[in-house]
């Protein structure tokens, strides 16, 4: 490789020396030459370009511009679906939708502008805590109902002296379950009423 470079340098020196001698021998008045005929300088530059393209790998050097390559010729992420592209597409779609709505001149939807209640976050946190309490309440109510049914059955057996009256026990159990269900519905209605009153008080205070 060093021999090729040295021979190329010697050829270039020889051409430059020949070019200088030709310039010295030229008359003072320049003669008209054809623009299409290649000059010695053009041939020398073409020869140097051919030598650079042959001797250099072209990985970091661009033979066409005779300068080092800077950066990437093509974007490596051009064919990939990145988050930046998705965000740009979403922003473009939102902008187009807003322009279409402005052009259509739709009436303002007041339901979309309705603000949330001031205590919506407090109610959300309270509902999470009440979930556990509601389970315990249901278990306690079921336990009380079973106890009342057992006590009623025991009293009934003592009063009538019948120890194995299954039909009457089943009827009493159904009545007690109905009573417990009605009691639970009343408690739910009372709790909803108290909650509405609390929300009204908060709104009046704000």
N, C-alpha and C. Protein backbone atom coordinates (compact mmCIF):
# COMPACT_ATOMS: atom_id res chain seq x y z
N UNK A 1 0.83 -1.21 0.00
CA UNK A 1 0.00 0.00 0.00
C UNK A 1 0.86 1.25 0.00
N UNK A 2 1.99 1.23 0.77
CA UNK A 2 2.89 2.39 0.80
C UNK A 2 3.55 2.60 -0.55
N UNK A 3 3.82 1.46 -1.27
CA UNK A 3 4.41 1.60 -2.60
C UNK A 3 3.45 2.26 -3.56
N UNK A 4 2.19 1.93 -3.47
CA UNK A 4 1.20 2.56 -4.35
C UNK A 4 1.07 4.06 -4.06
N UNK A 5 1.10 4.41 -2.77
CA UNK A 5 1.01 5.83 -2.42
C UNK A 5 2.23 6.60 -2.90
N UNK A 6 3.40 6.00 -2.75
CA UNK A 6 4.62 6.70 -3.19
C UNK A 6 4.65 6.86 -4.70
N UNK A 7 4.20 5.81 -5.42
CA UNK A 7 4.17 5.93 -6.89
C UNK A 7 3.15 6.97 -7.33
N UNK A 8 2.00 7.03 -6.62
CA UNK A 8 1.01 8.04 -6.96
C UNK A 8 1.55 9.45 -6.69
N UNK A 9 2.28 9.60 -5.59
CA UNK A 9 2.85 10.92 -5.29
C UNK A 9 3.89 11.32 -6.32
N UNK A 10 4.71 10.36 -6.76
CA UNK A 10 5.71 10.67 -7.79
C UNK A 10 5.05 11.04 -9.11
N UNK A 11 3.99 10.34 -9.47
CA UNK A 11 3.27 10.69 -10.70
C UNK A 11 2.68 12.09 -10.61
N UNK A 12 2.17 12.41 -9.45
CA UNK A 12 1.58 13.74 -9.28
C UNK A 12 2.66 14.83 -9.38
N UNK A 13 3.82 14.58 -8.78
CA UNK A 13 4.91 15.55 -8.89
C UNK A 13 5.35 15.72 -10.33
N UNK A 14 5.39 14.61 -11.05
CA UNK A 14 5.80 14.70 -12.46
C UNK A 14 4.79 15.49 -13.27
N UNK A 15 3.52 15.28 -13.02
CA UNK A 15 2.50 16.02 -13.76
C UNK A 15 2.55 17.51 -13.42
N UNK A 16 2.77 17.82 -12.14
CA UNK A 16 2.86 19.23 -11.76
C UNK A 16 4.07 19.91 -12.40
N UNK A 17 5.17 19.18 -12.46
CA UNK A 17 6.36 19.76 -13.10
C UNK A 17 6.12 19.99 -14.58
N UNK A 18 5.45 19.02 -15.24
CA UNK A 18 5.15 19.19 -16.66
C UNK A 18 4.18 20.35 -16.87
N UNK A 19 3.24 20.51 -15.96
CA UNK A 19 2.29 21.61 -16.08
C UNK A 19 2.99 22.96 -15.91
N UNK A 20 3.92 23.05 -14.98
CA UNK A 20 4.67 24.30 -14.81
C UNK A 20 5.50 24.63 -16.04
N UNK A 21 6.11 23.61 -16.61
CA UNK A 21 6.92 23.87 -17.82
C UNK A 21 6.05 24.30 -18.98
N UNK A 22 4.86 23.74 -19.09
CA UNK A 22 3.96 24.16 -20.16
C UNK A 22 3.50 25.60 -19.97
N UNK A 23 3.25 25.98 -18.71
CA UNK A 23 2.83 27.36 -18.46
C UNK A 23 3.94 28.35 -18.80
N UNK A 24 5.17 27.97 -18.56
CA UNK A 24 6.29 28.87 -18.88
C UNK A 24 6.47 29.02 -20.38
N UNK A 25 6.18 27.95 -21.14
CA UNK A 25 6.35 28.00 -22.58
C UNK A 25 5.19 28.67 -23.30
N UNK A 26 4.05 28.87 -22.60
CA UNK A 26 2.89 29.47 -23.25
C UNK A 26 3.17 30.94 -23.56
N UNK A 27 2.61 31.50 -24.71
CA UNK A 27 2.77 32.93 -25.03
C UNK A 27 1.97 33.78 -24.06
N UNK A 28 2.23 35.10 -24.13
CA UNK A 28 1.56 36.03 -23.22
C UNK A 28 0.07 36.10 -23.49
N UNK A 29 -0.34 35.99 -24.77
CA UNK A 29 -1.76 36.03 -25.11
C UNK A 29 -2.32 34.62 -25.02
N UNK A 30 -3.36 34.45 -24.26
CA UNK A 30 -3.93 33.09 -24.13
C UNK A 30 -4.64 32.69 -25.41
N UNK A 31 -4.46 31.46 -25.78
CA UNK A 31 -5.12 30.93 -26.97
C UNK A 31 -6.45 30.32 -26.57
N UNK A 32 -7.38 30.38 -27.49
CA UNK A 32 -8.71 29.84 -27.24
C UNK A 32 -8.67 28.32 -27.31
N UNK A 33 -9.23 27.73 -26.31
CA UNK A 33 -9.28 26.27 -26.24
C UNK A 33 -10.73 25.83 -26.15
N UNK A 34 -10.94 24.62 -26.54
CA UNK A 34 -12.30 24.07 -26.49
C UNK A 34 -12.66 23.73 -25.05
N UNK A 35 -13.86 24.13 -24.64
CA UNK A 35 -14.29 23.88 -23.26
C UNK A 35 -14.49 22.40 -22.98
N UNK A 36 -14.76 21.65 -24.03
CA UNK A 36 -15.05 20.24 -23.83
C UNK A 36 -13.80 19.39 -23.67
N UNK A 37 -12.64 19.93 -24.11
CA UNK A 37 -11.41 19.14 -24.01
C UNK A 37 -10.92 19.16 -22.59
N UNK A 38 -10.60 18.02 -21.99
CA UNK A 38 -10.14 17.99 -20.60
C UNK A 38 -8.73 18.53 -20.47
N UNK A 39 -8.47 19.27 -19.43
CA UNK A 39 -7.15 19.82 -19.15
C UNK A 39 -6.37 18.85 -18.28
N UNK A 40 -5.06 19.20 -18.12
CA UNK A 40 -4.20 18.35 -17.29
C UNK A 40 -4.64 18.36 -15.84
N UNK A 41 -5.17 19.52 -15.38
CA UNK A 41 -5.61 19.62 -13.98
C UNK A 41 -6.82 18.72 -13.73
N UNK A 42 -7.75 18.69 -14.72
CA UNK A 42 -8.92 17.83 -14.58
C UNK A 42 -8.52 16.37 -14.55
N UNK A 43 -7.61 16.02 -15.45
CA UNK A 43 -7.18 14.61 -15.48
C UNK A 43 -6.45 14.23 -14.21
N UNK A 44 -5.67 15.18 -13.66
CA UNK A 44 -4.95 14.87 -12.42
C UNK A 44 -5.92 14.69 -11.25
N UNK A 45 -6.98 15.55 -11.19
CA UNK A 45 -7.95 15.42 -10.11
C UNK A 45 -8.74 14.13 -10.23
N UNK A 46 -9.07 13.75 -11.49
CA UNK A 46 -9.77 12.49 -11.69
C UNK A 46 -8.92 11.31 -11.29
N UNK A 47 -7.62 11.41 -11.60
CA UNK A 47 -6.72 10.32 -11.24
C UNK A 47 -6.59 10.20 -9.72
N UNK A 48 -6.51 11.36 -9.03
CA UNK A 48 -6.42 11.33 -7.57
C UNK A 48 -7.70 10.77 -6.95
N UNK A 49 -8.85 11.12 -7.54
CA UNK A 49 -10.11 10.60 -7.03
C UNK A 49 -10.20 9.10 -7.21
N UNK A 50 -9.72 8.61 -8.37
CA UNK A 50 -9.72 7.17 -8.59
C UNK A 50 -8.81 6.46 -7.61
N UNK A 51 -7.65 7.05 -7.34
CA UNK A 51 -6.71 6.44 -6.41
C UNK A 51 -7.29 6.39 -5.00
N UNK A 52 -7.95 7.50 -4.57
CA UNK A 52 -8.53 7.53 -3.22
C UNK A 52 -9.67 6.54 -3.07
N UNK A 53 -10.47 6.37 -4.15
CA UNK A 53 -11.57 5.41 -4.06
C UNK A 53 -11.08 3.98 -4.03
N UNK A 54 -9.91 3.72 -4.62
CA UNK A 54 -9.36 2.36 -4.63
C UNK A 54 -8.63 2.05 -3.34
N UNK A 55 -7.82 2.99 -2.85
CA UNK A 55 -6.97 2.71 -1.71
C UNK A 55 -7.70 2.84 -0.37
N UNK A 56 -8.70 3.73 -0.30
CA UNK A 56 -9.41 3.93 0.96
C UNK A 56 -10.67 3.08 1.00
N UNK A 57 -11.03 2.65 2.22
CA UNK A 57 -12.16 1.73 2.38
C UNK A 57 -13.50 2.42 2.18
N UNK A 58 -13.59 3.72 2.48
CA UNK A 58 -14.85 4.43 2.36
C UNK A 58 -15.74 4.32 3.57
N UNK A 59 -15.23 3.71 4.63
CA UNK A 59 -16.05 3.59 5.84
C UNK A 59 -16.16 4.93 6.56
N UNK A 60 -15.06 5.64 6.68
CA UNK A 60 -15.06 6.95 7.35
C UNK A 60 -14.68 8.09 6.42
N UNK A 61 -14.44 7.79 5.14
CA UNK A 61 -13.99 8.81 4.19
C UNK A 61 -14.89 8.77 2.98
N UNK A 62 -15.36 9.96 2.56
CA UNK A 62 -16.21 10.08 1.39
C UNK A 62 -15.35 10.51 0.23
N UNK A 63 -15.19 9.63 -0.77
CA UNK A 63 -14.32 9.94 -1.91
C UNK A 63 -14.92 11.01 -2.80
N UNK A 64 -16.24 11.15 -2.83
CA UNK A 64 -16.88 12.15 -3.70
C UNK A 64 -16.62 13.56 -3.19
N UNK A 65 -16.78 13.78 -1.90
CA UNK A 65 -16.55 15.11 -1.32
C UNK A 65 -15.12 15.30 -0.82
N UNK A 66 -14.33 14.19 -0.81
CA UNK A 66 -12.94 14.23 -0.31
C UNK A 66 -12.90 14.81 1.10
N UNK A 67 -13.79 14.31 1.95
CA UNK A 67 -13.90 14.76 3.33
C UNK A 67 -14.38 13.59 4.18
N UNK A 68 -14.13 13.65 5.48
CA UNK A 68 -14.60 12.55 6.35
C UNK A 68 -16.12 12.55 6.45
N UNK A 69 -16.68 11.36 6.65
CA UNK A 69 -18.12 11.22 6.82
C UNK A 69 -18.51 11.64 8.23
N UNK A 70 -19.57 12.41 8.31
CA UNK A 70 -20.05 12.91 9.59
C UNK A 70 -21.45 12.37 9.85
N UNK A 71 -21.61 11.62 10.94
CA UNK A 71 -22.93 11.14 11.33
C UNK A 71 -23.45 10.05 10.42
N UNK A 72 -24.75 9.90 10.40
CA UNK A 72 -25.41 8.86 9.62
C UNK A 72 -25.94 9.46 8.33
N UNK A 73 -25.84 8.68 7.27
CA UNK A 73 -26.45 9.11 6.01
C UNK A 73 -27.97 8.98 6.08
N UNK A 74 -28.44 7.94 6.76
CA UNK A 74 -29.88 7.71 6.92
C UNK A 74 -30.21 7.58 8.40
N UNK A 75 -31.40 8.01 8.77
CA UNK A 75 -31.83 7.91 10.16
C UNK A 75 -32.03 6.44 10.52
N UNK A 76 -31.32 5.92 11.53
CA UNK A 76 -31.48 4.48 11.87
C UNK A 76 -32.86 4.14 12.41
N UNK A 77 -33.58 5.12 12.96
CA UNK A 77 -34.91 4.86 13.52
C UNK A 77 -36.02 5.30 12.57
N UNK A 78 -35.71 5.41 11.28
CA UNK A 78 -36.73 5.89 10.34
C UNK A 78 -37.84 4.87 10.15
N UNK A 79 -37.49 3.58 10.18
CA UNK A 79 -38.48 2.53 9.95
C UNK A 79 -39.10 2.00 11.24
N UNK A 80 -38.68 2.50 12.41
CA UNK A 80 -39.19 2.01 13.68
C UNK A 80 -40.32 2.90 14.18
N UNK A 81 -41.24 2.28 14.89
CA UNK A 81 -42.38 3.00 15.46
C UNK A 81 -42.03 3.39 16.90
N UNK A 82 -41.50 4.60 17.09
CA UNK A 82 -41.03 5.04 18.39
C UNK A 82 -42.12 5.82 19.13
N UNK A 83 -41.87 6.08 20.42
CA UNK A 83 -42.82 6.84 21.22
C UNK A 83 -42.95 8.27 20.73
N UNK A 84 -41.84 8.82 20.24
CA UNK A 84 -41.89 10.19 19.72
C UNK A 84 -42.83 10.28 18.52
N UNK A 85 -42.77 9.27 17.65
CA UNK A 85 -43.65 9.28 16.49
C UNK A 85 -45.12 9.13 16.91
N UNK A 86 -45.36 8.25 17.88
CA UNK A 86 -46.74 8.09 18.36
C UNK A 86 -47.27 9.37 18.98
N UNK A 87 -46.42 10.04 19.77
CA UNK A 87 -46.85 11.30 20.39
C UNK A 87 -47.11 12.36 19.33
N UNK A 88 -46.27 12.40 18.30
CA UNK A 88 -46.48 13.37 17.24
C UNK A 88 -47.76 13.08 16.46
N UNK A 89 -48.02 11.79 16.20
CA UNK A 89 -49.26 11.44 15.51
C UNK A 89 -50.49 11.77 16.35
N UNK A 90 -50.40 11.52 17.66
CA UNK A 90 -51.53 11.84 18.54
C UNK A 90 -51.78 13.35 18.60
N UNK A 91 -50.71 14.13 18.67
CA UNK A 91 -50.87 15.58 18.69
C UNK A 91 -51.45 16.09 17.38
N UNK A 92 -51.02 15.48 16.27
CA UNK A 92 -51.55 15.90 14.97
C UNK A 92 -53.03 15.55 14.86
N UNK A 93 -53.41 14.35 15.34
CA UNK A 93 -54.82 13.96 15.28
C UNK A 93 -55.69 14.86 16.16
N UNK A 94 -55.17 15.22 17.33
CA UNK A 94 -55.92 16.12 18.22
C UNK A 94 -56.09 17.50 17.59
N UNK A 95 -55.04 17.97 16.94
CA UNK A 95 -55.11 19.28 16.30
C UNK A 95 -56.14 19.28 15.16
N UNK A 96 -56.13 18.20 14.37
CA UNK A 96 -57.09 18.12 13.27
C UNK A 96 -58.52 18.03 13.79
N UNK A 97 -58.71 17.27 14.86
CA UNK A 97 -60.05 17.15 15.43
C UNK A 97 -60.54 18.49 15.96
N UNK A 98 -59.64 19.25 16.60
CA UNK A 98 -60.02 20.57 17.10
C UNK A 98 -60.37 21.51 15.95
N UNK A 99 -59.62 21.43 14.86
CA UNK A 99 -59.92 22.27 13.70
C UNK A 99 -61.28 21.90 13.10
N UNK A 100 -61.57 20.60 13.04
CA UNK A 100 -62.87 20.19 12.49
C UNK A 100 -64.02 20.65 13.37
N UNK A 101 -63.85 20.57 14.67
CA UNK A 101 -64.91 21.03 15.57
C UNK A 101 -65.11 22.54 15.46
N UNK A 102 -64.01 23.27 15.28
CA UNK A 102 -64.14 24.72 15.11
C UNK A 102 -64.86 25.05 13.80
N UNK A 103 -64.57 24.28 12.76
CA UNK A 103 -65.22 24.53 11.48
C UNK A 103 -66.71 24.20 11.53
N UNK A 104 -67.05 23.13 12.22
CA UNK A 104 -68.46 22.75 12.32
C UNK A 104 -69.25 23.69 13.21
N UNK A 105 -68.56 24.40 14.11
CA UNK A 105 -69.20 25.38 15.00
C UNK A 105 -70.32 24.71 15.81
N UNK A 106 -69.94 23.65 16.55
CA UNK A 106 -70.93 22.95 17.37
C UNK A 106 -71.28 23.77 18.60
N UNK A 107 -72.50 23.62 19.11
CA UNK A 107 -72.85 24.32 20.36
C UNK A 107 -72.06 23.74 21.53
N UNK A 108 -71.84 24.56 22.52
CA UNK A 108 -71.05 24.16 23.67
C UNK A 108 -71.84 23.17 24.52
N UNK A 109 -71.20 22.04 24.82
CA UNK A 109 -71.82 21.01 25.65
C UNK A 109 -71.52 21.31 27.11
N UNK A 110 -72.56 21.73 27.83
CA UNK A 110 -72.37 22.11 29.23
C UNK A 110 -72.11 20.91 30.13
N UNK A 111 -72.55 19.72 29.71
CA UNK A 111 -72.33 18.54 30.55
C UNK A 111 -70.85 18.17 30.61
N UNK A 112 -70.11 18.47 29.53
CA UNK A 112 -68.68 18.19 29.56
C UNK A 112 -67.93 19.15 30.47
N UNK A 113 -68.50 20.34 30.67
CA UNK A 113 -67.84 21.34 31.51
C UNK A 113 -68.30 21.28 32.96
N UNK A 114 -69.17 20.33 33.28
CA UNK A 114 -69.67 20.25 34.66
C UNK A 114 -68.55 19.84 35.60
N UNK A 115 -68.24 20.66 36.58
CA UNK A 115 -67.12 20.31 37.48
C UNK A 115 -67.53 19.22 38.46
N UNK A 116 -66.53 18.59 39.01
CA UNK A 116 -66.79 17.57 40.03
C UNK A 116 -67.13 18.24 41.35
N UNK A 117 -67.75 17.46 42.20
CA UNK A 117 -68.10 17.98 43.51
C UNK A 117 -66.83 18.22 44.33
N UNK A 118 -66.89 19.18 45.25
CA UNK A 118 -65.67 19.49 46.01
C UNK A 118 -65.15 18.33 46.85
N UNK A 119 -66.05 17.44 47.24
CA UNK A 119 -65.64 16.35 48.13
C UNK A 119 -65.53 15.01 47.40
N UNK A 120 -65.30 15.05 46.08
CA UNK A 120 -65.27 13.79 45.34
C UNK A 120 -64.08 12.94 45.74
N UNK A 121 -62.95 13.57 46.04
CA UNK A 121 -61.78 12.79 46.44
C UNK A 121 -61.94 12.20 47.84
N UNK A 122 -62.61 12.97 48.73
CA UNK A 122 -62.85 12.44 50.07
C UNK A 122 -63.80 11.24 50.03
N UNK A 123 -64.81 11.35 49.17
CA UNK A 123 -65.75 10.24 49.05
C UNK A 123 -65.08 9.01 48.47
N UNK A 124 -64.16 9.21 47.54
CA UNK A 124 -63.45 8.08 46.95
C UNK A 124 -62.62 7.35 48.00
N UNK A 125 -61.88 8.12 48.82
CA UNK A 125 -61.08 7.50 49.88
C UNK A 125 -61.97 6.82 50.92
N UNK A 126 -63.12 7.45 51.21
CA UNK A 126 -64.02 6.87 52.21
C UNK A 126 -64.64 5.56 51.71
N UNK A 127 -64.95 5.49 50.42
CA UNK A 127 -65.54 4.26 49.87
C UNK A 127 -64.57 3.09 49.98
N UNK A 128 -63.28 3.38 49.81
CA UNK A 128 -62.29 2.30 49.92
C UNK A 128 -62.25 1.74 51.34
N UNK A 129 -62.37 2.64 52.32
CA UNK A 129 -62.35 2.17 53.71
C UNK A 129 -63.66 1.49 54.09
N UNK A 130 -64.76 1.95 53.48
CA UNK A 130 -66.06 1.38 53.82
C UNK A 130 -66.26 -0.01 53.24
N UNK A 131 -65.47 -0.38 52.23
CA UNK A 131 -65.63 -1.72 51.66
C UNK A 131 -65.39 -2.80 52.71
N UNK A 132 -64.32 -2.61 53.49
CA UNK A 132 -64.03 -3.59 54.56
C UNK A 132 -65.11 -3.56 55.63
N UNK A 133 -65.55 -2.34 55.97
CA UNK A 133 -66.57 -2.22 57.01
C UNK A 133 -67.90 -2.82 56.57
N UNK A 134 -68.22 -2.69 55.28
CA UNK A 134 -69.48 -3.26 54.79
C UNK A 134 -69.47 -4.79 54.88
N UNK A 135 -68.32 -5.39 54.60
CA UNK A 135 -68.23 -6.85 54.72
C UNK A 135 -68.44 -7.29 56.16
N UNK A 136 -67.80 -6.58 57.08
CA UNK A 136 -67.98 -6.92 58.49
C UNK A 136 -69.42 -6.70 58.94
N UNK A 137 -70.04 -5.64 58.42
CA UNK A 137 -71.44 -5.37 58.78
C UNK A 137 -72.36 -6.47 58.29
N UNK A 138 -72.13 -6.93 57.06
CA UNK A 138 -72.96 -8.02 56.53
C UNK A 138 -72.80 -9.29 57.35
N UNK A 139 -71.57 -9.58 57.74
CA UNK A 139 -71.35 -10.78 58.56
C UNK A 139 -72.02 -10.66 59.92
N UNK A 140 -71.94 -9.46 60.51
CA UNK A 140 -72.58 -9.26 61.82
C UNK A 140 -74.09 -9.37 61.72
N UNK A 141 -74.68 -8.82 60.65
CA UNK A 141 -76.13 -8.91 60.48
C UNK A 141 -76.57 -10.36 60.30
N UNK A 142 -75.81 -11.11 59.50
CA UNK A 142 -76.15 -12.52 59.31
C UNK A 142 -76.06 -13.30 60.62
N UNK A 143 -75.03 -12.97 61.40
CA UNK A 143 -74.88 -13.66 62.70
C UNK A 143 -76.05 -13.34 63.62
N UNK A 144 -76.45 -12.06 63.68
CA UNK A 144 -77.59 -11.68 64.53
C UNK A 144 -78.88 -12.34 64.07
N UNK A 145 -79.06 -12.43 62.76
CA UNK A 145 -80.27 -13.07 62.25
C UNK A 145 -80.31 -14.53 62.65
N UNK A 146 -79.16 -15.22 62.53
CA UNK A 146 -79.12 -16.63 62.93
C UNK A 146 -79.40 -16.80 64.42
N UNK A 147 -78.85 -15.89 65.23
CA UNK A 147 -79.10 -15.97 66.67
C UNK A 147 -80.57 -15.75 67.01
N UNK A 148 -81.18 -14.76 66.35
CA UNK A 148 -82.59 -14.50 66.62
C UNK A 148 -83.47 -15.66 66.17
N UNK A 149 -83.12 -16.26 65.04
CA UNK A 149 -83.89 -17.41 64.57
C UNK A 149 -83.78 -18.58 65.55
N UNK A 150 -82.53 -18.81 66.02
CA UNK A 150 -82.34 -19.91 66.98
C UNK A 150 -83.08 -19.64 68.28
N UNK A 151 -83.06 -18.39 68.75
CA UNK A 151 -83.77 -18.07 70.00
C UNK A 151 -85.27 -18.20 69.82
N UNK A 152 -85.79 -17.77 68.67
CA UNK A 152 -87.23 -17.88 68.42
C UNK A 152 -87.66 -19.33 68.35
N UNK A 153 -86.85 -20.14 67.69
CA UNK A 153 -87.18 -21.56 67.60
C UNK A 153 -87.18 -22.22 68.98
N UNK A 154 -86.20 -21.84 69.82
CA UNK A 154 -86.13 -22.43 71.17
C UNK A 154 -87.35 -22.03 72.00
N UNK A 155 -87.74 -20.75 71.89
CA UNK A 155 -88.93 -20.31 72.63
C UNK A 155 -90.18 -21.01 72.13
N UNK A 156 -90.25 -21.20 70.83
CA UNK A 156 -91.42 -21.87 70.26
C UNK A 156 -91.50 -23.31 70.72
N UNK A 157 -90.37 -23.97 70.80
CA UNK A 157 -90.37 -25.36 71.27
C UNK A 157 -90.82 -25.45 72.74
N UNK A 158 -90.34 -24.49 73.53
CA UNK A 158 -90.73 -24.51 74.94
C UNK A 158 -92.22 -24.25 75.11
N UNK A 159 -92.76 -23.35 74.30
CA UNK A 159 -94.17 -22.99 74.44
C UNK A 159 -95.09 -24.11 73.99
N UNK A 160 -94.79 -24.74 72.94
CA UNK A 160 -95.68 -25.77 72.38
C UNK A 160 -95.29 -27.16 72.81
N UNK A 161 -94.08 -27.33 73.27
CA UNK A 161 -93.62 -28.64 73.68
C UNK A 161 -93.30 -29.54 72.53
N UNK A 162 -93.16 -29.00 71.36
CA UNK A 162 -92.83 -29.79 70.18
C UNK A 162 -91.34 -29.60 69.91
N UNK A 163 -90.63 -30.68 69.93
CA UNK A 163 -89.17 -30.58 69.77
C UNK A 163 -88.73 -30.66 68.33
N UNK A 164 -89.48 -31.30 67.48
CA UNK A 164 -89.04 -31.54 66.10
C UNK A 164 -90.08 -31.03 65.11
N UNK A 165 -90.47 -29.82 65.24
CA UNK A 165 -91.45 -29.24 64.32
C UNK A 165 -90.68 -28.54 63.20
N UNK A 166 -90.31 -29.28 62.16
CA UNK A 166 -89.44 -28.73 61.11
C UNK A 166 -90.17 -27.72 60.24
N UNK A 167 -91.45 -27.99 59.93
CA UNK A 167 -92.18 -27.07 59.07
C UNK A 167 -92.32 -25.70 59.69
N UNK A 168 -92.61 -25.66 60.96
CA UNK A 168 -92.76 -24.38 61.64
C UNK A 168 -91.42 -23.66 61.75
N UNK A 169 -90.35 -24.43 61.94
CA UNK A 169 -89.02 -23.81 62.02
C UNK A 169 -88.64 -23.15 60.70
N UNK A 170 -88.95 -23.84 59.61
CA UNK A 170 -88.64 -23.27 58.30
C UNK A 170 -89.45 -22.01 58.05
N UNK A 171 -90.73 -22.01 58.42
CA UNK A 171 -91.55 -20.82 58.25
C UNK A 171 -91.05 -19.66 59.07
N UNK A 172 -90.66 -19.94 60.32
CA UNK A 172 -90.13 -18.88 61.16
C UNK A 172 -88.81 -18.34 60.61
N UNK A 173 -87.99 -19.24 60.06
CA UNK A 173 -86.71 -18.79 59.49
C UNK A 173 -86.94 -17.87 58.30
N UNK A 174 -87.91 -18.18 57.43
CA UNK A 174 -88.20 -17.31 56.30
C UNK A 174 -88.70 -15.95 56.75
N UNK A 175 -89.54 -15.91 57.77
CA UNK A 175 -90.04 -14.63 58.28
C UNK A 175 -88.91 -13.79 58.85
N UNK A 176 -88.00 -14.44 59.56
CA UNK A 176 -86.89 -13.69 60.14
C UNK A 176 -85.96 -13.15 59.06
N UNK A 177 -85.73 -13.93 58.02
CA UNK A 177 -84.90 -13.45 56.91
C UNK A 177 -85.54 -12.26 56.22
N UNK A 178 -86.85 -12.29 56.04
CA UNK A 178 -87.55 -11.16 55.42
C UNK A 178 -87.44 -9.92 56.29
N UNK A 179 -87.56 -10.12 57.60
CA UNK A 179 -87.44 -8.99 58.51
C UNK A 179 -86.03 -8.40 58.47
N UNK A 180 -85.03 -9.27 58.42
CA UNK A 180 -83.65 -8.79 58.35
C UNK A 180 -83.38 -8.04 57.05
N UNK A 181 -83.96 -8.52 55.95
CA UNK A 181 -83.78 -7.83 54.66
C UNK A 181 -84.41 -6.45 54.68
N UNK A 182 -85.61 -6.35 55.24
CA UNK A 182 -86.26 -5.04 55.34
C UNK A 182 -85.46 -4.09 56.23
N UNK A 183 -84.88 -4.65 57.29
CA UNK A 183 -84.08 -3.82 58.19
C UNK A 183 -82.83 -3.29 57.48
N UNK A 184 -82.23 -4.15 56.67
CA UNK A 184 -81.03 -3.71 55.94
C UNK A 184 -81.37 -2.64 54.91
N UNK A 185 -82.51 -2.77 54.24
CA UNK A 185 -82.92 -1.75 53.26
C UNK A 185 -83.16 -0.42 53.94
N UNK A 186 -83.77 -0.44 55.10
CA UNK A 186 -83.98 0.81 55.83
C UNK A 186 -82.65 1.44 56.23
N UNK A 187 -81.71 0.63 56.65
CA UNK A 187 -80.40 1.16 57.03
C UNK A 187 -79.69 1.77 55.82
N UNK A 188 -79.79 1.13 54.65
CA UNK A 188 -79.18 1.69 53.44
C UNK A 188 -79.81 3.02 53.06
N UNK A 189 -81.13 3.10 53.15
CA UNK A 189 -81.79 4.37 52.83
C UNK A 189 -81.39 5.46 53.80
N UNK A 190 -81.27 5.12 55.06
CA UNK A 190 -80.86 6.11 56.05
C UNK A 190 -79.42 6.57 55.81
N UNK A 191 -78.56 5.65 55.45
CA UNK A 191 -77.17 6.01 55.16
C UNK A 191 -77.07 6.91 53.94
N UNK A 192 -77.84 6.61 52.89
CA UNK A 192 -77.84 7.45 51.69
C UNK A 192 -78.36 8.85 52.00
N UNK A 193 -79.40 8.92 52.85
CA UNK A 193 -79.93 10.23 53.21
C UNK A 193 -78.91 11.05 53.99
N UNK A 194 -78.19 10.40 54.92
CA UNK A 194 -77.16 11.13 55.67
C UNK A 194 -76.03 11.60 54.77
N UNK A 195 -75.68 10.77 53.80
CA UNK A 195 -74.61 11.16 52.87
C UNK A 195 -75.02 12.36 52.03
N UNK A 196 -76.28 12.37 51.55
CA UNK A 196 -76.75 13.52 50.77
C UNK A 196 -76.77 14.79 51.62
N UNK A 197 -77.17 14.66 52.86
CA UNK A 197 -77.17 15.83 53.74
C UNK A 197 -75.76 16.35 53.99
N UNK A 198 -74.80 15.43 54.13
CA UNK A 198 -73.41 15.86 54.35
C UNK A 198 -72.87 16.57 53.13
N UNK A 199 -73.18 16.07 51.93
CA UNK A 199 -72.72 16.73 50.72
C UNK A 199 -73.36 18.10 50.57
N UNK A 200 -74.63 18.21 50.91
CA UNK A 200 -75.30 19.51 50.83
C UNK A 200 -74.67 20.51 51.80
N UNK A 201 -74.31 20.04 53.00
CA UNK A 201 -73.67 20.92 53.97
C UNK A 201 -72.31 21.40 53.47
N UNK A 202 -71.56 20.49 52.83
CA UNK A 202 -70.25 20.88 52.30
C UNK A 202 -70.39 21.90 51.19
N UNK A 203 -71.37 21.71 50.32
CA UNK A 203 -71.58 22.67 49.23
C UNK A 203 -72.01 24.03 49.76
N UNK A 204 -72.85 24.03 50.78
CA UNK A 204 -73.28 25.30 51.37
C UNK A 204 -72.12 26.01 52.06
N UNK A 205 -71.25 25.22 52.68
CA UNK A 205 -70.11 25.84 53.38
C UNK A 205 -69.07 26.40 52.43
N UNK A 206 -68.91 25.75 51.23
CA UNK A 206 -67.95 26.27 50.27
C UNK A 206 -68.48 27.49 49.55
